[in-house]
Amino acid sequence: MIDHMGISVSDLAKSIAFYKQALAPLGYELIMSMDSFAGFGIGGKPDFWIGVGTPKDRVHVAFATKSRAIVRAFYDAATAAGGKDNGGPGIREVYHPDYFGAFVLDPDGHNIEACCHEAYLG
């Protein structure tokens, strides 16, 4: 199990603003912020870190959710925060029949996703 991860961002303040809004529907909050890094998480423990650096390679981070509605809320919040559409909310049958995800590029071009693996029950 992964305990935490971090990615490089070029503008910490801009990225903090983006992630505060984009991750709010997932229950994530800004937990810790210092001069060159910030940590987001749920329940007081940061598990997603951003830090000032040169993002040479773009990364893909997928956040698991409990519902398709949360995936949609993530997508709406992330695009409202300035994220660029990289695949709106929908079924991704290529992964499996119930895979529901949405993809947004953050200010540095990292591919940020929210996904739900639960079958749709109406």
PDB file of N, CA and C in Angstrom:
ATOM      1  N   MET A   1       0.844  -1.174   0.000  1.00  0.00           N
ATOM      2  CA  MET A   1       0.000   0.000   0.000  1.00  0.00           C
ATOM      3  C   MET A   1       0.890   1.237   0.000  1.00  0.00           C
ATOM      4  N   ILE A   2       0.529   2.212  -0.773  1.00  0.00           N
ATOM      5  CA  ILE A   2       1.276   3.459  -0.831  1.00  0.00           C
ATOM      6  C   ILE A   2       0.849   4.351   0.331  1.00  0.00           C
ATOM      7  N   ASP A   3       1.819   4.861   1.066  1.00  0.00           N
ATOM      8  CA  ASP A   3       1.532   5.736   2.194  1.00  0.00           C
ATOM      9  C   ASP A   3       1.333   7.184   1.756  1.00  0.00           C
ATOM     10  N   HIS A   4       2.186   7.650   0.854  1.00  0.00           N
ATOM     11  CA  HIS A   4       2.050   9.008   0.341  1.00  0.00           C
ATOM     12  C   HIS A   4       2.858   9.141  -0.945  1.00  0.00           C
ATOM     13  N   MET A   5       2.603  10.225  -1.669  1.00  0.00           N
ATOM     14  CA  MET A   5       3.343  10.482  -2.903  1.00  0.00           C
ATOM     15  C   MET A   5       3.483  11.982  -3.073  1.00  0.00           C
ATOM     16  N   GLY A   6       4.434  12.382  -3.893  1.00  0.00           N
ATOM     17  CA  GLY A   6       4.636  13.796  -4.153  1.00  0.00           C
ATOM     18  C   GLY A   6       4.939  14.044  -5.613  1.00  0.00           C
ATOM     19  N   ILE A   7       4.545  15.228  -6.074  1.00  0.00           N
ATOM     20  CA  ILE A   7       4.834  15.633  -7.442  1.00  0.00           C
ATOM     21  C   ILE A   7       5.433  17.033  -7.421  1.00  0.00           C
ATOM     22  N   SER A   8       6.193  17.344  -8.451  1.00  0.00           N
ATOM     23  CA  SER A   8       6.783  18.678  -8.591  1.00  0.00           C
ATOM     24  C   SER A   8       5.821  19.611  -9.293  1.00  0.00           C
ATOM     25  N   VAL A   9       5.800  20.858  -8.814  1.00  0.00           N
ATOM     26  CA  VAL A   9       4.984  21.903  -9.424  1.00  0.00           C
ATOM     27  C   VAL A   9       5.856  23.138  -9.615  1.00  0.00           C
ATOM     28  N   SER A  10       5.522  23.948 -10.609  1.00  0.00           N
ATOM     29  CA  SER A  10       6.335  25.121 -10.900  1.00  0.00           C
ATOM     30  C   SER A  10       5.930  26.341 -10.081  1.00  0.00           C
ATOM     31  N   ASP A  11       4.677  26.424  -9.667  1.00  0.00           N
ATOM     32  CA  ASP A  11       4.167  27.579  -8.918  1.00  0.00           C
ATOM     33  C   ASP A  11       3.353  27.039  -7.748  1.00  0.00           C
ATOM     34  N   LEU A  12       3.941  27.065  -6.561  1.00  0.00           N
ATOM     35  CA  LEU A  12       3.294  26.445  -5.400  1.00  0.00           C
ATOM     36  C   LEU A  12       1.957  27.102  -5.065  1.00  0.00           C
ATOM     37  N   ALA A  13       1.904  28.405  -5.042  1.00  0.00           N
ATOM     38  CA  ALA A  13       0.656  29.089  -4.684  1.00  0.00           C
ATOM     39  C   ALA A  13      -0.465  28.757  -5.668  1.00  0.00           C
ATOM     40  N   LYS A  14      -0.146  28.766  -6.956  1.00  0.00           N
ATOM     41  CA  LYS A  14      -1.142  28.445  -7.984  1.00  0.00           C
ATOM     42  C   LYS A  14      -1.623  27.003  -7.835  1.00  0.00           C
ATOM     43  N   SER A  15      -0.688  26.099  -7.575  1.00  0.00           N
ATOM     44  CA  SER A  15      -1.055  24.686  -7.437  1.00  0.00           C
ATOM     45  C   SER A  15      -1.829  24.430  -6.150  1.00  0.00           C
ATOM     46  N   ILE A  16      -1.479  25.115  -5.065  1.00  0.00           N
ATOM     47  CA  ILE A  16      -2.253  24.966  -3.830  1.00  0.00           C
ATOM     48  C   ILE A  16      -3.699  25.392  -4.082  1.00  0.00           C
ATOM     49  N   ALA A  17      -3.880  26.531  -4.735  1.00  0.00           N
ATOM     50  CA  ALA A  17      -5.239  26.999  -5.027  1.00  0.00           C
ATOM     51  C   ALA A  17      -5.998  25.993  -5.887  1.00  0.00           C
ATOM     52  N   PHE A  18      -5.329  25.444  -6.909  1.00  0.00           N
ATOM     53  CA  PHE A  18      -5.961  24.455  -7.775  1.00  0.00           C
ATOM     54  C   PHE A  18      -6.370  23.215  -6.983  1.00  0.00           C
ATOM     55  N   TYR A  19      -5.442  22.635  -6.245  1.00  0.00           N
ATOM     56  CA  TYR A  19      -5.724  21.380  -5.549  1.00  0.00           C
ATOM     57  C   TYR A  19      -6.712  21.561  -4.393  1.00  0.00           C
ATOM     58  N   LYS A  20      -6.698  22.707  -3.719  1.00  0.00           N
ATOM     59  CA  LYS A  20      -7.700  22.941  -2.671  1.00  0.00           C
ATOM     60  C   LYS A  20      -9.098  22.825  -3.248  1.00  0.00           C
ATOM     61  N   GLN A  21      -9.316  23.403  -4.406  1.00  0.00           N
ATOM     62  CA  GLN A  21     -10.640  23.376  -5.028  1.00  0.00           C
ATOM     63  C   GLN A  21     -10.920  22.027  -5.693  1.00  0.00           C
ATOM     64  N   ALA A  22      -9.947  21.501  -6.425  1.00  0.00           N
ATOM     65  CA  ALA A  22     -10.156  20.266  -7.183  1.00  0.00           C
ATOM     66  C   ALA A  22     -10.378  19.055  -6.291  1.00  0.00           C
ATOM     67  N   LEU A  23      -9.658  18.989  -5.158  1.00  0.00           N
ATOM     68  CA  LEU A  23      -9.746  17.809  -4.302  1.00  0.00           C
ATOM     69  C   LEU A  23     -10.803  17.919  -3.203  1.00  0.00           C
ATOM     70  N   ALA A  24     -11.412  19.084  -3.048  1.00  0.00           N
ATOM     71  CA  ALA A  24     -12.440  19.258  -2.012  1.00  0.00           C
ATOM     72  C   ALA A  24     -13.592  18.257  -2.138  1.00  0.00           C
ATOM     73  N   PRO A  25     -14.102  17.983  -3.351  1.00  0.00           N
ATOM     74  CA  PRO A  25     -15.190  17.000  -3.444  1.00  0.00           C
ATOM     75  C   PRO A  25     -14.790  15.594  -2.981  1.00  0.00           C
ATOM     76  N   LEU A  26     -13.491  15.317  -2.940  1.00  0.00           N
ATOM     77  CA  LEU A  26     -13.010  14.008  -2.497  1.00  0.00           C
ATOM     78  C   LEU A  26     -12.813  13.969  -0.987  1.00  0.00           C
ATOM     79  N   GLY A  27     -13.014  15.107  -0.322  1.00  0.00           N
ATOM     80  CA  GLY A  27     -12.806  15.180   1.116  1.00  0.00           C
ATOM     81  C   GLY A  27     -11.400  15.587   1.497  1.00  0.00           C
ATOM     82  N   TYR A  28     -10.567  15.889   0.512  1.00  0.00           N
ATOM     83  CA  TYR A  28      -9.189  16.295   0.774  1.00  0.00           C
ATOM     84  C   TYR A  28      -9.137  17.752   1.200  1.00  0.00           C
ATOM     85  N   GLU A  29      -8.208  18.024   2.125  1.00  0.00           N
ATOM     86  CA  GLU A  29      -7.961  19.379   2.597  1.00  0.00           C
ATOM     87  C   GLU A  29      -6.467  19.643   2.600  1.00  0.00           C
ATOM     88  N   LEU A  30      -6.097  20.913   2.546  1.00  0.00           N
ATOM     89  CA  LEU A  30      -4.709  21.300   2.734  1.00  0.00           C
ATOM     90  C   LEU A  30      -4.397  21.113   4.210  1.00  0.00           C
ATOM     91  N   ILE A  31      -3.450  20.248   4.527  1.00  0.00           N
ATOM     92  CA  ILE A  31      -3.138  19.937   5.916  1.00  0.00           C
ATOM     93  C   ILE A  31      -1.863  20.629   6.372  1.00  0.00           C
ATOM     94  N   MET A  32      -0.899  20.739   5.464  1.00  0.00           N
ATOM     95  CA  MET A  32       0.375  21.316   5.837  1.00  0.00           C
ATOM     96  C   MET A  32       0.929  22.102   4.661  1.00  0.00           C
ATOM     97  N   SER A  33       1.496  23.268   4.954  1.00  0.00           N
ATOM     98  CA  SER A  33       2.112  24.074   3.910  1.00  0.00           C
ATOM     99  C   SER A  33       3.352  24.747   4.474  1.00  0.00           C
ATOM    100  N   MET A  34       4.448  24.655   3.747  1.00  0.00           N
ATOM    101  CA  MET A  34       5.694  25.311   4.117  1.00  0.00           C
ATOM    102  C   MET A  34       6.177  26.115   2.920  1.00  0.00           C
ATOM    103  N   ASP A  35       7.379  26.616   2.980  1.00  0.00           N
ATOM    104  CA  ASP A  35       7.902  27.469   1.909  1.00  0.00           C
ATOM    105  C   ASP A  35       7.902  26.818   0.538  1.00  0.00           C
ATOM    106  N   SER A  36       8.239  25.545   0.467  1.00  0.00           N
ATOM    107  CA  SER A  36       8.412  24.933  -0.851  1.00  0.00           C
ATOM    108  C   SER A  36       7.574  23.679  -1.080  1.00  0.00           C
ATOM    109  N   PHE A  37       6.697  23.341  -0.136  1.00  0.00           N
ATOM    110  CA  PHE A  37       5.849  22.168  -0.340  1.00  0.00           C
ATOM    111  C   PHE A  37       4.554  22.290   0.438  1.00  0.00           C
ATOM    112  N   ALA A  38       3.583  21.458   0.064  1.00  0.00           N
ATOM    113  CA  ALA A  38       2.289  21.426   0.745  1.00  0.00           C
ATOM    114  C   ALA A  38       1.760  20.004   0.699  1.00  0.00           C
ATOM    115  N   GLY A  39       1.029  19.624   1.729  1.00  0.00           N
ATOM    116  CA  GLY A  39       0.461  18.282   1.809  1.00  0.00           C
ATOM    117  C   GLY A  39      -1.046  18.323   1.963  1.00  0.00           C
ATOM    118  N   PHE A  40      -1.714  17.503   1.182  1.00  0.00           N
ATOM    119  CA  PHE A  40      -3.171  17.382   1.210  1.00  0.00           C
ATOM    120  C   PHE A  40      -3.541  15.987   1.699  1.00  0.00           C
ATOM    121  N   GLY A  41      -4.682  15.885   2.363  1.00  0.00           N
ATOM    122  CA  GLY A  41      -5.132  14.577   2.817  1.00  0.00           C
ATOM    123  C   GLY A  41      -6.513  14.653   3.437  1.00  0.00           C
ATOM    124  N   ILE A  42      -6.876  13.546   4.053  1.00  0.00           N
ATOM    125  CA  ILE A  42      -8.173  13.406   4.727  1.00  0.00           C
ATOM    126  C   ILE A  42      -7.896  13.033   6.182  1.00  0.00           C
ATOM    127  N   GLY A  43      -8.606  13.657   7.097  1.00  0.00           N
ATOM    128  CA  GLY A  43      -8.491  13.283   8.502  1.00  0.00           C
ATOM    129  C   GLY A  43      -7.173  13.662   9.152  1.00  0.00           C
ATOM    130  N   GLY A  44      -6.529  14.693   8.680  1.00  0.00           N
ATOM    131  CA  GLY A  44      -5.317  15.181   9.321  1.00  0.00           C
ATOM    132  C   GLY A  44      -4.012  14.576   8.847  1.00  0.00           C
ATOM    133  N   LYS A  45      -4.054  13.565   7.978  1.00  0.00           N
ATOM    134  CA  LYS A  45      -2.826  12.945   7.475  1.00  0.00           C
ATOM    135  C   LYS A  45      -2.637  13.263   6.001  1.00  0.00           C
ATOM    136  N   PRO A  46      -1.583  14.019   5.675  1.00  0.00           N
ATOM    137  CA  PRO A  46      -1.331  14.291   4.258  1.00  0.00           C
ATOM    138  C   PRO A  46      -0.780  13.048   3.555  1.00  0.00           C
ATOM    139  N   ASP A  47      -1.338  12.751   2.391  1.00  0.00           N
ATOM    140  CA  ASP A  47      -0.808  11.639   1.599  1.00  0.00           C
ATOM    141  C   ASP A  47      -0.525  12.047   0.159  1.00  0.00           C
ATOM    142  N   PHE A  48      -0.918  13.264  -0.199  1.00  0.00           N
ATOM    143  CA  PHE A  48      -0.625  13.792  -1.536  1.00  0.00           C
ATOM    144  C   PHE A  48       0.122  15.106  -1.352  1.00  0.00           C
ATOM    145  N   TRP A  49       1.385  15.104  -1.805  1.00  0.00           N
ATOM    146  CA  TRP A  49       2.269  16.251  -1.604  1.00  0.00           C
ATOM    147  C   TRP A  49       2.595  16.905  -2.937  1.00  0.00           C
ATOM    148  N   ILE A  50       2.693  18.232  -2.902  1.00  0.00           N
ATOM    149  CA  ILE A  50       3.197  18.981  -4.040  1.00  0.00           C
ATOM    150  C   ILE A  50       4.388  19.798  -3.549  1.00  0.00           C
ATOM    151  N   GLY A  51       5.409  19.906  -4.392  1.00  0.00           N
ATOM    152  CA  GLY A  51       6.598  20.645  -3.994  1.00  0.00           C
ATOM    153  C   GLY A  51       7.186  21.395  -5.168  1.00  0.00           C
ATOM    154  N   VAL A  52       7.786  22.538  -4.877  1.00  0.00           N
ATOM    155  CA  VAL A  52       8.390  23.359  -5.922  1.00  0.00           C
ATOM    156  C   VAL A  52       9.534  22.592  -6.568  1.00  0.00           C
ATOM    157  N   GLY A  53       9.501  22.544  -7.863  1.00  0.00           N
ATOM    158  CA  GLY A  53      10.529  21.859  -8.631  1.00  0.00           C
ATOM    159  C   GLY A  53      10.283  22.086 -10.101  1.00  0.00           C
ATOM    160  N   THR A  54      11.010  21.368 -10.898  1.00  0.00           N
ATOM    161  CA  THR A  54      10.827  21.440 -12.342  1.00  0.00           C
ATOM    162  C   THR A  54      10.123  20.173 -12.787  1.00  0.00           C
ATOM    163  N   PRO A  55       8.836  20.270 -13.098  1.00  0.00           N
ATOM    164  CA  PRO A  55       8.102  19.066 -13.513  1.00  0.00           C
ATOM    165  C   PRO A  55       8.484  18.673 -14.940  1.00  0.00           C
ATOM    166  N   LYS A  56       9.594  17.948 -15.066  1.00  0.00           N
ATOM    167  CA  LYS A  56      10.102  17.533 -16.379  1.00  0.00           C
ATOM    168  C   LYS A  56       9.203  16.494 -17.026  1.00  0.00           C
ATOM    169  N   ASP A  57       8.774  15.548 -16.250  1.00  0.00           N
ATOM    170  CA  ASP A  57       7.887  14.495 -16.744  1.00  0.00           C
ATOM    171  C   ASP A  57       6.527  14.655 -16.085  1.00  0.00           C
ATOM    172  N   ARG A  58       5.491  14.553 -16.877  1.00  0.00           N
ATOM    173  CA  ARG A  58       4.140  14.643 -16.345  1.00  0.00           C
ATOM    174  C   ARG A  58       3.784  13.307 -15.709  1.00  0.00           C
ATOM    175  N   VAL A  59       3.053  13.376 -14.608  1.00  0.00           N
ATOM    176  CA  VAL A  59       2.644  12.155 -13.925  1.00  0.00           C
ATOM    177  C   VAL A  59       1.127  12.011 -13.997  1.00  0.00           C
ATOM    178  N   HIS A  60       0.672  10.811 -13.725  1.00  0.00           N
ATOM    179  CA  HIS A  60      -0.756  10.514 -13.650  1.00  0.00           C
ATOM    180  C   HIS A  60      -1.043  10.066 -12.228  1.00  0.00           C
ATOM    181  N   VAL A  61      -1.980  10.751 -11.582  1.00  0.00           N
ATOM    182  CA  VAL A  61      -2.404  10.396 -10.233  1.00  0.00           C
ATOM    183  C   VAL A  61      -3.906  10.161 -10.279  1.00  0.00           C
ATOM    184  N   ALA A  62      -4.343   9.003  -9.785  1.00  0.00           N
ATOM    185  CA  ALA A  62      -5.768   8.682  -9.757  1.00  0.00           C
ATOM    186  C   ALA A  62      -6.219   8.562  -8.305  1.00  0.00           C
ATOM    187  N   PHE A  63      -7.262   9.309  -7.957  1.00  0.00           N
ATOM    188  CA  PHE A  63      -7.850   9.268  -6.626  1.00  0.00           C
ATOM    189  C   PHE A  63      -9.119   8.420  -6.686  1.00  0.00           C
ATOM    190  N   ALA A  64      -9.198   7.401  -5.835  1.00  0.00           N
ATOM    191  CA  ALA A  64     -10.379   6.541  -5.776  1.00  0.00           C
ATOM    192  C   ALA A  64     -11.502   7.261  -5.031  1.00  0.00           C
ATOM    193  N   THR A  65     -12.722   7.129  -5.536  1.00  0.00           N
ATOM    194  CA  THR A  65     -13.893   7.704  -4.885  1.00  0.00           C
ATOM    195  C   THR A  65     -14.920   6.606  -4.648  1.00  0.00           C
ATOM    196  N   LYS A  66     -15.946   6.952  -3.893  1.00  0.00           N
ATOM    197  CA  LYS A  66     -16.986   5.975  -3.570  1.00  0.00           C
ATOM    198  C   LYS A  66     -18.202   6.077  -4.466  1.00  0.00           C
ATOM    199  N   SER A  67     -18.248   7.109  -5.321  1.00  0.00           N
ATOM    200  CA  SER A  67     -19.425   7.239  -6.168  1.00  0.00           C
ATOM    201  C   SER A  67     -19.101   7.988  -7.456  1.00  0.00           C
ATOM    202  N   ARG A  68     -19.945   7.768  -8.431  1.00  0.00           N
ATOM    203  CA  ARG A  68     -19.819   8.476  -9.696  1.00  0.00           C
ATOM    204  C   ARG A  68     -20.126   9.962  -9.521  1.00  0.00           C
ATOM    205  N   ALA A  69     -21.004  10.277  -8.584  1.00  0.00           N
ATOM    206  CA  ALA A  69     -21.325  11.683  -8.319  1.00  0.00           C
ATOM    207  C   ALA A  69     -20.085  12.433  -7.826  1.00  0.00           C
ATOM    208  N   ILE A  70     -19.265  11.783  -7.035  1.00  0.00           N
ATOM    209  CA  ILE A  70     -18.037  12.422  -6.554  1.00  0.00           C
ATOM    210  C   ILE A  70     -17.064  12.621  -7.712  1.00  0.00           C
ATOM    211  N   VAL A  71     -16.995  11.660  -8.624  1.00  0.00           N
ATOM    212  CA  VAL A  71     -16.148  11.822  -9.815  1.00  0.00           C
ATOM    213  C   VAL A  71     -16.594  13.056 -10.595  1.00  0.00           C
ATOM    214  N   ARG A  72     -17.885  13.187 -10.792  1.00  0.00           N
ATOM    215  CA  ARG A  72     -18.413  14.352 -11.521  1.00  0.00           C
ATOM    216  C   ARG A  72     -18.109  15.653 -10.770  1.00  0.00           C
ATOM    217  N   ALA A  73     -18.278  15.638  -9.460  1.00  0.00           N
ATOM    218  CA  ALA A  73     -18.007  16.835  -8.655  1.00  0.00           C
ATOM    219  C   ALA A  73     -16.530  17.210  -8.724  1.00  0.00           C
ATOM    220  N   PHE A  74     -15.648  16.209  -8.693  1.00  0.00           N
ATOM    221  CA  PHE A  74     -14.209  16.470  -8.861  1.00  0.00           C
ATOM    222  C   PHE A  74     -13.953  17.155 -10.195  1.00  0.00           C
ATOM    223  N   TYR A  75     -14.496  16.594 -11.256  1.00  0.00           N
ATOM    224  CA  TYR A  75     -14.268  17.143 -12.596  1.00  0.00           C
ATOM    225  C   TYR A  75     -14.757  18.591 -12.675  1.00  0.00           C
ATOM    226  N   ASP A  76     -15.942  18.853 -12.167  1.00  0.00           N
ATOM    227  CA  ASP A  76     -16.491  20.204 -12.189  1.00  0.00           C
ATOM    228  C   ASP A  76     -15.620  21.166 -11.387  1.00  0.00           C
ATOM    229  N   ALA A  77     -15.195  20.742 -10.189  1.00  0.00           N
ATOM    230  CA  ALA A  77     -14.368  21.602  -9.337  1.00  0.00           C
ATOM    231  C   ALA A  77     -12.996  21.836  -9.955  1.00  0.00           C
ATOM    232  N   ALA A  78     -12.407  20.782 -10.513  1.00  0.00           N
ATOM    233  CA  ALA A  78     -11.068  20.905 -11.090  1.00  0.00           C
ATOM    234  C   ALA A  78     -11.062  21.792 -12.331  1.00  0.00           C
ATOM    235  N   THR A  79     -12.071  21.663 -13.180  1.00  0.00           N
ATOM    236  CA  THR A  79     -12.121  22.525 -14.363  1.00  0.00           C
ATOM    237  C   THR A  79     -12.466  23.960 -13.965  1.00  0.00           C
ATOM    238  N   ALA A  80     -13.302  24.145 -12.951  1.00  0.00           N
ATOM    239  CA  ALA A  80     -13.602  25.494 -12.467  1.00  0.00           C
ATOM    240  C   ALA A  80     -12.361  26.151 -11.856  1.00  0.00           C
ATOM    241  N   ALA A  81     -11.451  25.335 -11.338  1.00  0.00           N
ATOM    242  CA  ALA A  81     -10.213  25.842 -10.736  1.00  0.00           C
ATOM    243  C   ALA A  81      -9.138  26.118 -11.783  1.00  0.00           C
ATOM    244  N   GLY A  82      -9.459  25.912 -13.056  1.00  0.00           N
ATOM    245  CA  GLY A  82      -8.494  26.182 -14.120  1.00  0.00           C
ATOM    246  C   GLY A  82      -7.870  24.956 -14.746  1.00  0.00           C
ATOM    247  N   GLY A  83      -8.248  23.765 -14.269  1.00  0.00           N
ATOM    248  CA  GLY A  83      -7.741  22.543 -14.881  1.00  0.00           C
ATOM    249  C   GLY A  83      -8.288  22.374 -16.291  1.00  0.00           C
ATOM    250  N   LYS A  84      -7.506  21.719 -17.128  1.00  0.00           N
ATOM    251  CA  LYS A  84      -7.922  21.497 -18.515  1.00  0.00           C
ATOM    252  C   LYS A  84      -8.500  20.099 -18.676  1.00  0.00           C
ATOM    253  N   ASP A  85      -9.627  20.026 -19.351  1.00  0.00           N
ATOM    254  CA  ASP A  85     -10.281  18.752 -19.620  1.00  0.00           C
ATOM    255  C   ASP A  85      -9.307  17.791 -20.298  1.00  0.00           C
ATOM    256  N   ASN A  86      -9.242  16.570 -19.772  1.00  0.00           N
ATOM    257  CA  ASN A  86      -8.434  15.525 -20.389  1.00  0.00           C
ATOM    258  C   ASN A  86      -9.244  14.237 -20.480  1.00  0.00           C
ATOM    259  N   GLY A  87     -10.558  14.377 -20.401  1.00  0.00           N
ATOM    260  CA  GLY A  87     -11.470  13.233 -20.462  1.00  0.00           C
ATOM    261  C   GLY A  87     -12.553  13.392 -19.424  1.00  0.00           C
ATOM    262  N   GLY A  88     -13.714  13.848 -19.843  1.00  0.00           N
ATOM    263  CA  GLY A  88     -14.814  14.108 -18.924  1.00  0.00           C
ATOM    264  C   GLY A  88     -15.335  12.850 -18.258  1.00  0.00           C
ATOM    265  N   PRO A  89     -16.197  13.010 -17.267  1.00  0.00           N
ATOM    266  CA  PRO A  89     -16.742  11.869 -16.530  1.00  0.00           C
ATOM    267  C   PRO A  89     -17.429  10.868 -17.456  1.00  0.00           C
ATOM    268  N   GLY A  90     -17.089   9.624 -17.282  1.00  0.00           N
ATOM    269  CA  GLY A  90     -17.724   8.586 -18.082  1.00  0.00           C
ATOM    270  C   GLY A  90     -17.130   7.216 -17.842  1.00  0.00           C
ATOM    271  N   ILE A  91     -17.797   6.225 -18.407  1.00  0.00           N
ATOM    272  CA  ILE A  91     -17.348   4.830 -18.340  1.00  0.00           C
ATOM    273  C   ILE A  91     -16.100   4.672 -19.207  1.00  0.00           C
ATOM    274  N   ARG A  92     -15.143   3.941 -18.689  1.00  0.00           N
ATOM    275  CA  ARG A  92     -13.923   3.598 -19.432  1.00  0.00           C
ATOM    276  C   ARG A  92     -13.862   2.075 -19.520  1.00  0.00           C
ATOM    277  N   GLU A  93     -14.646   1.517 -20.438  1.00  0.00           N
ATOM    278  CA  GLU A  93     -14.757   0.059 -20.552  1.00  0.00           C
ATOM    279  C   GLU A  93     -13.437  -0.615 -20.882  1.00  0.00           C
ATOM    280  N   VAL A  94     -12.500   0.130 -21.436  1.00  0.00           N
ATOM    281  CA  VAL A  94     -11.201  -0.445 -21.750  1.00  0.00           C
ATOM    282  C   VAL A  94     -10.520  -0.982 -20.478  1.00  0.00           C
ATOM    283  N   TYR A  95     -10.846  -0.387 -19.317  1.00  0.00           N
ATOM    284  CA  TYR A  95     -10.281  -0.841 -18.041  1.00  0.00           C
ATOM    285  C   TYR A  95     -11.125  -1.954 -17.437  1.00  0.00           C
ATOM    286  N   HIS A  96     -12.434  -1.730 -17.320  1.00  0.00           N
ATOM    287  CA  HIS A  96     -13.412  -2.754 -16.957  1.00  0.00           C
ATOM    288  C   HIS A  96     -14.798  -2.131 -17.085  1.00  0.00           C
ATOM    289  N   PRO A  97     -15.849  -2.928 -17.156  1.00  0.00           N
ATOM    290  CA  PRO A  97     -17.189  -2.416 -17.476  1.00  0.00           C
ATOM    291  C   PRO A  97     -17.732  -1.354 -16.522  1.00  0.00           C
ATOM    292  N   ASP A  98     -17.288  -1.339 -15.256  1.00  0.00           N
ATOM    293  CA  ASP A  98     -17.818  -0.393 -14.283  1.00  0.00           C
ATOM    294  C   ASP A  98     -16.852   0.747 -13.964  1.00  0.00           C
ATOM    295  N   TYR A  99     -15.736   0.845 -14.691  1.00  0.00           N
ATOM    296  CA  TYR A  99     -14.744   1.886 -14.420  1.00  0.00           C
ATOM    297  C   TYR A  99     -15.296   3.232 -14.876  1.00  0.00           C
ATOM    298  N   PHE A 100     -15.511   4.127 -13.910  1.00  0.00           N
ATOM    299  CA  PHE A 100     -16.047   5.455 -14.191  1.00  0.00           C
ATOM    300  C   PHE A 100     -15.003   6.463 -13.741  1.00  0.00           C
ATOM    301  N   GLY A 101     -14.510   7.263 -14.665  1.00  0.00           N
ATOM    302  CA  GLY A 101     -13.459   8.199 -14.308  1.00  0.00           C
ATOM    303  C   GLY A 101     -13.576   9.518 -15.036  1.00  0.00           C
ATOM    304  N   ALA A 102     -12.810  10.485 -14.548  1.00  0.00           N
ATOM    305  CA  ALA A 102     -12.696  11.795 -15.175  1.00  0.00           C
ATOM    306  C   ALA A 102     -11.257  12.257 -15.018  1.00  0.00           C
ATOM    307  N   PHE A 103     -10.735  12.930 -16.040  1.00  0.00           N
ATOM    308  CA  PHE A 103      -9.336  13.321 -16.092  1.00  0.00           C
ATOM    309  C   PHE A 103      -9.211  14.821 -16.347  1.00  0.00           C
ATOM    310  N   VAL A 104      -8.322  15.465 -15.585  1.00  0.00           N
ATOM    311  CA  VAL A 104      -8.070  16.896 -15.723  1.00  0.00           C
ATOM    312  C   VAL A 104      -6.569  17.120 -15.643  1.00  0.00           C
ATOM    313  N   LEU A 105      -6.066  18.016 -16.488  1.00  0.00           N
ATOM    314  CA  LEU A 105      -4.658  18.403 -16.416  1.00  0.00           C
ATOM    315  C   LEU A 105      -4.515  19.558 -15.431  1.00  0.00           C
ATOM    316  N   ASP A 106      -3.610  19.423 -14.476  1.00  0.00           N
ATOM    317  CA  ASP A 106      -3.379  20.486 -13.496  1.00  0.00           C
ATOM    318  C   ASP A 106      -2.561  21.613 -14.130  1.00  0.00           C
ATOM    319  N   PRO A 107      -2.222  22.671 -13.386  1.00  0.00           N
ATOM    320  CA  PRO A 107      -1.493  23.793 -13.985  1.00  0.00           C
ATOM    321  C   PRO A 107      -0.156  23.429 -14.637  1.00  0.00           C
ATOM    322  N   ASP A 108       0.452  22.317 -14.233  1.00  0.00           N
ATOM    323  CA  ASP A 108       1.719  21.886 -14.829  1.00  0.00           C
ATOM    324  C   ASP A 108       1.554  20.761 -15.842  1.00  0.00           C
ATOM    325  N   GLY A 109       0.326  20.383 -16.147  1.00  0.00           N
ATOM    326  CA  GLY A 109       0.082  19.346 -17.128  1.00  0.00           C
ATOM    327  C   GLY A 109       0.027  17.938 -16.570  1.00  0.00           C
ATOM    328  N   HIS A 110       0.081  17.783 -15.237  1.00  0.00           N
ATOM    329  CA  HIS A 110      -0.066  16.455 -14.638  1.00  0.00           C
ATOM    330  C   HIS A 110      -1.504  15.981 -14.852  1.00  0.00           C
ATOM    331  N   ASN A 111      -1.670  14.712 -15.178  1.00  0.00           N
ATOM    332  CA  ASN A 111      -2.979  14.127 -15.446  1.00  0.00           C
ATOM    333  C   ASN A 111      -3.586  13.643 -14.130  1.00  0.00           C
ATOM    334  N   ILE A 112      -4.554  14.387 -13.616  1.00  0.00           N
ATOM    335  CA  ILE A 112      -5.169  14.075 -12.334  1.00  0.00           C
ATOM    336  C   ILE A 112      -6.553  13.478 -12.600  1.00  0.00           C
ATOM    337  N   GLU A 113      -6.815  12.365 -11.953  1.00  0.00           N
ATOM    338  CA  GLU A 113      -8.045  11.607 -12.212  1.00  0.00           C
ATOM    339  C   GLU A 113      -8.773  11.316 -10.913  1.00  0.00           C
ATOM    340  N   ALA A 114     -10.080  11.255 -11.002  1.00  0.00           N
ATOM    341  CA  ALA A 114     -10.907  10.670  -9.950  1.00  0.00           C
ATOM    342  C   ALA A 114     -11.639   9.509 -10.604  1.00  0.00           C
ATOM    343  N   CYS A 115     -11.726   8.390  -9.887  1.00  0.00           N
ATOM    344  CA  CYS A 115     -12.372   7.218 -10.477  1.00  0.00           C
ATOM    345  C   CYS A 115     -13.191   6.468  -9.435  1.00  0.00           C
ATOM    346  N   CYS A 116     -14.161   5.724  -9.947  1.00  0.00           N
ATOM    347  CA  CYS A 116     -15.027   4.900  -9.130  1.00  0.00           C
ATOM    348  C   CYS A 116     -15.143   3.545  -9.826  1.00  0.00           C
ATOM    349  N   HIS A 117     -14.996   2.480  -9.069  1.00  0.00           N
ATOM    350  CA  HIS A 117     -15.049   1.134  -9.631  1.00  0.00           C
ATOM    351  C   HIS A 117     -16.359   0.416  -9.335  1.00  0.00           C
ATOM    352  N   GLU A 118     -17.271   1.095  -8.670  1.00  0.00           N
ATOM    353  CA  GLU A 118     -18.526   0.479  -8.281  1.00  0.00           C
ATOM    354  C   GLU A 118     -19.509   0.406  -9.450  1.00  0.00           C
ATOM    355  N   ALA A 119     -20.283  -0.645  -9.463  1.00  0.00           N
ATOM    356  CA  ALA A 119     -21.334  -0.784 -10.473  1.00  0.00           C
ATOM    357  C   ALA A 119     -22.399   0.261 -10.212  1.00  0.00           C
ATOM    358  N   TYR A 120     -22.951   0.797 -11.281  1.00  0.00           N
ATOM    359  CA  TYR A 120     -24.005   1.804 -11.167  1.00  0.00           C
ATOM    360  C   TYR A 120     -25.307   1.128 -10.772  1.00  0.00           C
ATOM    361  N   LEU A 121     -25.886   1.580  -9.680  1.00  0.00           N
ATOM    362  CA  LEU A 121     -27.103   0.952  -9.171  1.00  0.00           C
ATOM    363  C   LEU A 121     -28.340   1.813  -9.375  1.00  0.00           C
ATOM    364  N   GLY A 122     -28.188   2.891 -10.115  1.00  0.00           N
ATOM    365  CA  GLY A 122     -29.341   3.736 -10.408  1.00  0.00           C
ATOM    366  C   GLY A 122     -29.400   4.854  -9.522  1.00  0.00           C
TER     367      GLY A 122
END
